[in-house]
Amino acid sequence: MSVLSKISNVLSMLEYLSSGKKYSIKELSELLEVTPRMIRVYKDELEKAGIYVDTLKGPYGGYVLNQNIHVPKRFITPKTVIVQNKSIFNSVNRAIKEQRKCFIEYYSKDRKELSKRIIHPYDLILLGDEWGVAAYCELKEEIRHFYINRIQSIQLLETFYK
């Protein structure tokens, strides 16, 4: 099994459990088309990441998630989405993880104007067939969506948001 399929299966299992429904190991193994042993491995991997899955014992037992976990839909895409500048994509991803403000230079839709903004990136999202970032924009004082491929440059700032 490749690392990517393992990650995909762990995320799929997390998505199933996020519904709040209790799943038996057998149900999860059938849904993910893996052995029951692999379901236990996936549970261990989630717990290493700080996502604790409760085990209910007995004949009607199973796994249940008693946490509100947001499973980003960005991992479940119907087609491959091309990112022209992977370093900007990775910087945005890092800023989201570290909750850091960013200074960006961003092209307008027609690529004629370049604006300078400070954003608080919250999540990577799909905007049609392109990656984007949902972020609070200090210039506009509201949540805006920015296309990754229109970000000319990005600088992670030493200031954080909550």
C-alpha atoms as a PDB file:
ATOM      1  CA  MET A   1       0.000   0.000   0.000  1.00  0.00           C
ATOM      2  CA  SER A   2       1.382   3.382  -0.935  1.00  0.00           C
ATOM      3  CA  VAL A   3       1.671   6.215   1.568  1.00  0.00           C
ATOM      4  CA  LEU A   4      -0.858   8.272  -0.394  1.00  0.00           C
ATOM      5  CA  SER A   5      -3.500   5.549  -0.309  1.00  0.00           C
ATOM      6  CA  LYS A   6      -2.948   5.187   3.447  1.00  0.00           C
ATOM      7  CA  ILE A   7      -3.397   8.934   3.932  1.00  0.00           C
ATOM      8  CA  SER A   8      -6.459   8.880   1.712  1.00  0.00           C
ATOM      9  CA  ASN A   9      -7.948   5.991   3.685  1.00  0.00           C
ATOM     10  CA  VAL A  10      -7.247   7.667   7.035  1.00  0.00           C
ATOM     11  CA  LEU A  11      -8.934  10.860   5.805  1.00  0.00           C
ATOM     12  CA  SER A  12     -11.879   8.871   4.434  1.00  0.00           C
ATOM     13  CA  MET A  13     -12.245   7.039   7.757  1.00  0.00           C
ATOM     14  CA  LEU A  14     -12.143  10.385   9.571  1.00  0.00           C
ATOM     15  CA  GLU A  15     -14.828  11.721   7.232  1.00  0.00           C
ATOM     16  CA  TYR A  16     -17.096   8.733   7.946  1.00  0.00           C
ATOM     17  CA  LEU A  17     -16.580   9.065  11.704  1.00  0.00           C
ATOM     18  CA  SER A  18     -17.176  12.842  11.573  1.00  0.00           C
ATOM     19  CA  SER A  19     -20.817  12.133  10.777  1.00  0.00           C
ATOM     20  CA  GLY A  20     -21.257  11.162  14.443  1.00  0.00           C
ATOM     21  CA  LYS A  21     -22.430   7.656  13.522  1.00  0.00           C
ATOM     22  CA  LYS A  22     -20.925   4.612  15.199  1.00  0.00           C
ATOM     23  CA  TYR A  23     -19.157   2.247  12.789  1.00  0.00           C
ATOM     24  CA  SER A  24     -18.024  -1.290  13.501  1.00  0.00           C
ATOM     25  CA  ILE A  25     -14.527  -2.242  12.423  1.00  0.00           C
ATOM     26  CA  LYS A  26     -16.114  -4.573   9.875  1.00  0.00           C
ATOM     27  CA  GLU A  27     -18.233  -1.747   8.390  1.00  0.00           C
ATOM     28  CA  LEU A  28     -15.221   0.549   8.083  1.00  0.00           C
ATOM     29  CA  SER A  29     -13.072  -2.179   6.555  1.00  0.00           C
ATOM     30  CA  GLU A  30     -15.766  -2.856   3.934  1.00  0.00           C
ATOM     31  CA  LEU A  31     -16.236   0.848   3.164  1.00  0.00           C
ATOM     32  CA  LEU A  32     -12.493   1.426   2.770  1.00  0.00           C
ATOM     33  CA  GLU A  33     -11.848  -1.991   1.189  1.00  0.00           C
ATOM     34  CA  VAL A  34      -9.084  -2.898   3.642  1.00  0.00           C
ATOM     35  CA  THR A  35      -8.642  -5.505   6.372  1.00  0.00           C
ATOM     36  CA  PRO A  36      -9.980  -4.944   9.901  1.00  0.00           C
ATOM     37  CA  ARG A  37      -6.338  -4.866  11.036  1.00  0.00           C
ATOM     38  CA  MET A  38      -5.725  -1.793   8.831  1.00  0.00           C
ATOM     39  CA  ILE A  39      -8.720  -0.023  10.427  1.00  0.00           C
ATOM     40  CA  ARG A  40      -6.998  -0.443  13.793  1.00  0.00           C
ATOM     41  CA  VAL A  41      -3.773   0.954  12.287  1.00  0.00           C
ATOM     42  CA  TYR A  42      -5.693   3.964  10.908  1.00  0.00           C
ATOM     43  CA  LYS A  43      -7.241   4.556  14.347  1.00  0.00           C
ATOM     44  CA  ASP A  44      -3.743   4.563  15.871  1.00  0.00           C
ATOM     45  CA  GLU A  45      -2.553   7.049  13.216  1.00  0.00           C
ATOM     46  CA  LEU A  46      -5.459   9.392  13.982  1.00  0.00           C
ATOM     47  CA  GLU A  47      -4.678   9.226  17.686  1.00  0.00           C
ATOM     48  CA  LYS A  48      -1.011  10.064  17.017  1.00  0.00           C
ATOM     49  CA  ALA A  49      -2.347  13.218  15.330  1.00  0.00           C
ATOM     50  CA  GLY A  50      -4.425  14.096  18.420  1.00  0.00           C
ATOM     51  CA  ILE A  51      -7.771  12.897  17.039  1.00  0.00           C
ATOM     52  CA  TYR A  52      -9.116  10.421  19.572  1.00  0.00           C
ATOM     53  CA  VAL A  53     -11.581   7.808  18.387  1.00  0.00           C
ATOM     54  CA  ASP A  54     -13.651   6.161  21.126  1.00  0.00           C
ATOM     55  CA  THR A  55     -13.983   2.381  21.120  1.00  0.00           C
ATOM     56  CA  LEU A  56     -17.321   1.003  22.255  1.00  0.00           C
ATOM     57  CA  LYS A  57     -17.035  -2.602  23.402  1.00  0.00           C
ATOM     58  CA  GLY A  58     -19.583  -5.394  23.119  1.00  0.00           C
ATOM     59  CA  PRO A  59     -21.671  -6.973  20.372  1.00  0.00           C
ATOM     60  CA  TYR A  60     -23.004  -3.580  19.256  1.00  0.00           C
ATOM     61  CA  GLY A  61     -19.688  -1.827  19.712  1.00  0.00           C
ATOM     62  CA  GLY A  62     -17.563   0.034  17.261  1.00  0.00           C
ATOM     63  CA  TYR A  63     -15.728   3.286  16.710  1.00  0.00           C
ATOM     64  CA  VAL A  64     -17.248   6.688  17.301  1.00  0.00           C
ATOM     65  CA  LEU A  65     -15.745  10.159  17.134  1.00  0.00           C
ATOM     66  CA  ASN A  66     -16.823  12.432  19.983  1.00  0.00           C
ATOM     67  CA  GLN A  67     -14.995  15.505  18.697  1.00  0.00           C
ATOM     68  CA  ASN A  68     -16.002  18.125  16.169  1.00  0.00           C
ATOM     69  CA  ILE A  69     -13.396  17.609  13.493  1.00  0.00           C
ATOM     70  CA  HIS A  70     -13.575  19.575  10.249  1.00  0.00           C
ATOM     71  CA  VAL A  71     -12.551  17.297   7.393  1.00  0.00           C
ATOM     72  CA  PRO A  72     -11.377  19.584   4.598  1.00  0.00           C
ATOM     73  CA  LYS A  73     -13.110  18.778   1.345  1.00  0.00           C
ATOM     74  CA  ARG A  74      -9.984  19.873  -0.500  1.00  0.00           C
ATOM     75  CA  PHE A  75      -8.648  16.327  -0.198  1.00  0.00           C
ATOM     76  CA  ILE A  76     -11.586  14.908  -2.092  1.00  0.00           C
ATOM     77  CA  THR A  77     -11.359  16.291  -5.604  1.00  0.00           C
ATOM     78  CA  PRO A  78     -12.944  14.798  -8.717  1.00  0.00           C
ATOM     79  CA  LYS A  79      -9.984  15.743 -10.884  1.00  0.00           C
ATOM     80  CA  THR A  80      -6.418  16.875 -10.579  1.00  0.00           C
ATOM     81  CA  VAL A  81      -6.062  20.587  -9.989  1.00  0.00           C
ATOM     82  CA  ILE A  82      -2.824  22.116 -11.247  1.00  0.00           C
ATOM     83  CA  VAL A  83      -0.939  24.596  -9.075  1.00  0.00           C
ATOM     84  CA  GLN A  84       1.405  26.786 -11.100  1.00  0.00           C
ATOM     85  CA  ASN A  85       3.463  27.947  -8.125  1.00  0.00           C
ATOM     86  CA  LYS A  86       3.848  25.194  -5.543  1.00  0.00           C
ATOM     87  CA  SER A  87       6.009  27.325  -3.237  1.00  0.00           C
ATOM     88  CA  ILE A  88       3.186  29.861  -2.823  1.00  0.00           C
ATOM     89  CA  PHE A  89       0.704  27.014  -2.264  1.00  0.00           C
ATOM     90  CA  ASN A  90       3.020  25.526   0.388  1.00  0.00           C
ATOM     91  CA  SER A  91       3.529  28.929   2.051  1.00  0.00           C
ATOM     92  CA  VAL A  92      -0.241  29.451   2.274  1.00  0.00           C
ATOM     93  CA  ASN A  93      -0.627  25.954   3.726  1.00  0.00           C
ATOM     94  CA  ARG A  94       2.064  26.698   6.329  1.00  0.00           C
ATOM     95  CA  ALA A  95       0.447  30.027   7.223  1.00  0.00           C
ATOM     96  CA  ILE A  96      -2.893  28.257   7.786  1.00  0.00           C
ATOM     97  CA  LYS A  97      -1.282  25.638   9.993  1.00  0.00           C
ATOM     98  CA  GLU A  98       0.657  28.206  12.036  1.00  0.00           C
ATOM     99  CA  GLN A  99      -2.177  30.824  11.995  1.00  0.00           C
ATOM    100  CA  ARG A 100       0.201  33.461  10.665  1.00  0.00           C
ATOM    101  CA  LYS A 101      -0.701  36.653   8.879  1.00  0.00           C
ATOM    102  CA  CYS A 102       0.690  37.026   5.356  1.00  0.00           C
ATOM    103  CA  PHE A 103       1.647  39.936   3.174  1.00  0.00           C
ATOM    104  CA  ILE A 104       0.700  39.153  -0.437  1.00  0.00           C
ATOM    105  CA  GLU A 105       0.947  40.870  -3.770  1.00  0.00           C
ATOM    106  CA  TYR A 106      -2.162  39.834  -5.672  1.00  0.00           C
ATOM    107  CA  TYR A 107      -3.102  40.296  -9.320  1.00  0.00           C
ATOM    108  CA  SER A 108      -6.562  41.493 -10.306  1.00  0.00           C
ATOM    109  CA  LYS A 109      -8.732  39.218 -12.452  1.00  0.00           C
ATOM    110  CA  ASP A 110      -7.448  40.708 -15.702  1.00  0.00           C
ATOM    111  CA  ARG A 111      -3.874  40.704 -14.297  1.00  0.00           C
ATOM    112  CA  LYS A 112      -3.526  44.442 -14.935  1.00  0.00           C
ATOM    113  CA  GLU A 113      -3.361  45.624 -11.331  1.00  0.00           C
ATOM    114  CA  LEU A 114      -1.234  44.340  -8.479  1.00  0.00           C
ATOM    115  CA  SER A 115      -2.592  45.019  -4.988  1.00  0.00           C
ATOM    116  CA  LYS A 116      -0.747  44.615  -1.698  1.00  0.00           C
ATOM    117  CA  ARG A 117      -2.678  43.062   1.151  1.00  0.00           C
ATOM    118  CA  ILE A 118      -2.295  41.542   4.582  1.00  0.00           C
ATOM    119  CA  ILE A 119      -4.426  38.426   4.931  1.00  0.00           C
ATOM    120  CA  HIS A 120      -5.250  35.892   7.641  1.00  0.00           C
ATOM    121  CA  PRO A 121      -5.537  32.608   5.682  1.00  0.00           C
ATOM    122  CA  TYR A 122      -8.042  30.103   7.100  1.00  0.00           C
ATOM    123  CA  ASP A 123      -8.414  27.277   4.582  1.00  0.00           C
ATOM    124  CA  LEU A 124      -7.456  26.114   1.123  1.00  0.00           C
ATOM    125  CA  ILE A 125     -10.518  25.752  -1.086  1.00  0.00           C
ATOM    126  CA  LEU A 126     -11.384  24.892  -4.648  1.00  0.00           C
ATOM    127  CA  LEU A 127     -12.599  27.836  -6.695  1.00  0.00           C
ATOM    128  CA  GLY A 128     -13.934  26.147  -9.806  1.00  0.00           C
ATOM    129  CA  ASP A 129     -10.949  24.232 -11.128  1.00  0.00           C
ATOM    130  CA  GLU A 130      -8.294  26.268  -9.281  1.00  0.00           C
ATOM    131  CA  TRP A 131      -6.961  26.314  -5.731  1.00  0.00           C
ATOM    132  CA  GLY A 132      -7.812  29.300  -3.631  1.00  0.00           C
ATOM    133  CA  VAL A 133      -7.503  30.453  -0.074  1.00  0.00           C
ATOM    134  CA  ALA A 134     -10.298  31.725   2.148  1.00  0.00           C
ATOM    135  CA  ALA A 135      -8.814  34.528   4.214  1.00  0.00           C
ATOM    136  CA  TYR A 136      -9.665  37.641   6.170  1.00  0.00           C
ATOM    137  CA  CYS A 137      -8.395  40.628   4.191  1.00  0.00           C
ATOM    138  CA  GLU A 138      -7.307  43.574   6.344  1.00  0.00           C
ATOM    139  CA  LEU A 139      -7.655  45.979   3.388  1.00  0.00           C
ATOM    140  CA  LYS A 140     -11.312  45.081   2.696  1.00  0.00           C
ATOM    141  CA  GLU A 141     -12.046  44.166   6.355  1.00  0.00           C
ATOM    142  CA  GLU A 142     -13.900  40.989   5.383  1.00  0.00           C
ATOM    143  CA  ILE A 143     -13.433  37.364   4.395  1.00  0.00           C
ATOM    144  CA  ARG A 144     -12.317  37.107   0.768  1.00  0.00           C
ATOM    145  CA  HIS A 145     -11.288  34.320  -1.584  1.00  0.00           C
ATOM    146  CA  PHE A 146      -7.930  34.586  -3.329  1.00  0.00           C
ATOM    147  CA  TYR A 147      -6.808  32.419  -6.248  1.00  0.00           C
ATOM    148  CA  ILE A 148      -3.412  30.872  -5.485  1.00  0.00           C
ATOM    149  CA  ASN A 149      -2.289  31.302  -9.099  1.00  0.00           C
ATOM    150  CA  ARG A 150      -2.913  35.076  -8.899  1.00  0.00           C
ATOM    151  CA  ILE A 151      -0.682  35.578  -5.845  1.00  0.00           C
ATOM    152  CA  GLN A 152       2.522  37.123  -7.215  1.00  0.00           C
ATOM    153  CA  SER A 153       4.433  36.908  -3.927  1.00  0.00           C
ATOM    154  CA  ILE A 154       3.823  35.941  -0.318  1.00  0.00           C
ATOM    155  CA  GLN A 155       5.650  36.732   2.898  1.00  0.00           C
ATOM    156  CA  LEU A 156       4.706  35.027   6.166  1.00  0.00           C
ATOM    157  CA  LEU A 157       4.660  37.631   8.890  1.00  0.00           C
ATOM    158  CA  GLU A 158       5.765  37.174  12.482  1.00  0.00           C
ATOM    159  CA  THR A 159       2.280  38.148  13.690  1.00  0.00           C
ATOM    160  CA  PHE A 160      -0.396  35.598  14.416  1.00  0.00           C
ATOM    161  CA  TYR A 161      -4.188  35.614  14.443  1.00  0.00           C
ATOM    162  CA  LYS A 162      -6.685  33.573  16.429  1.00  0.00           C
END
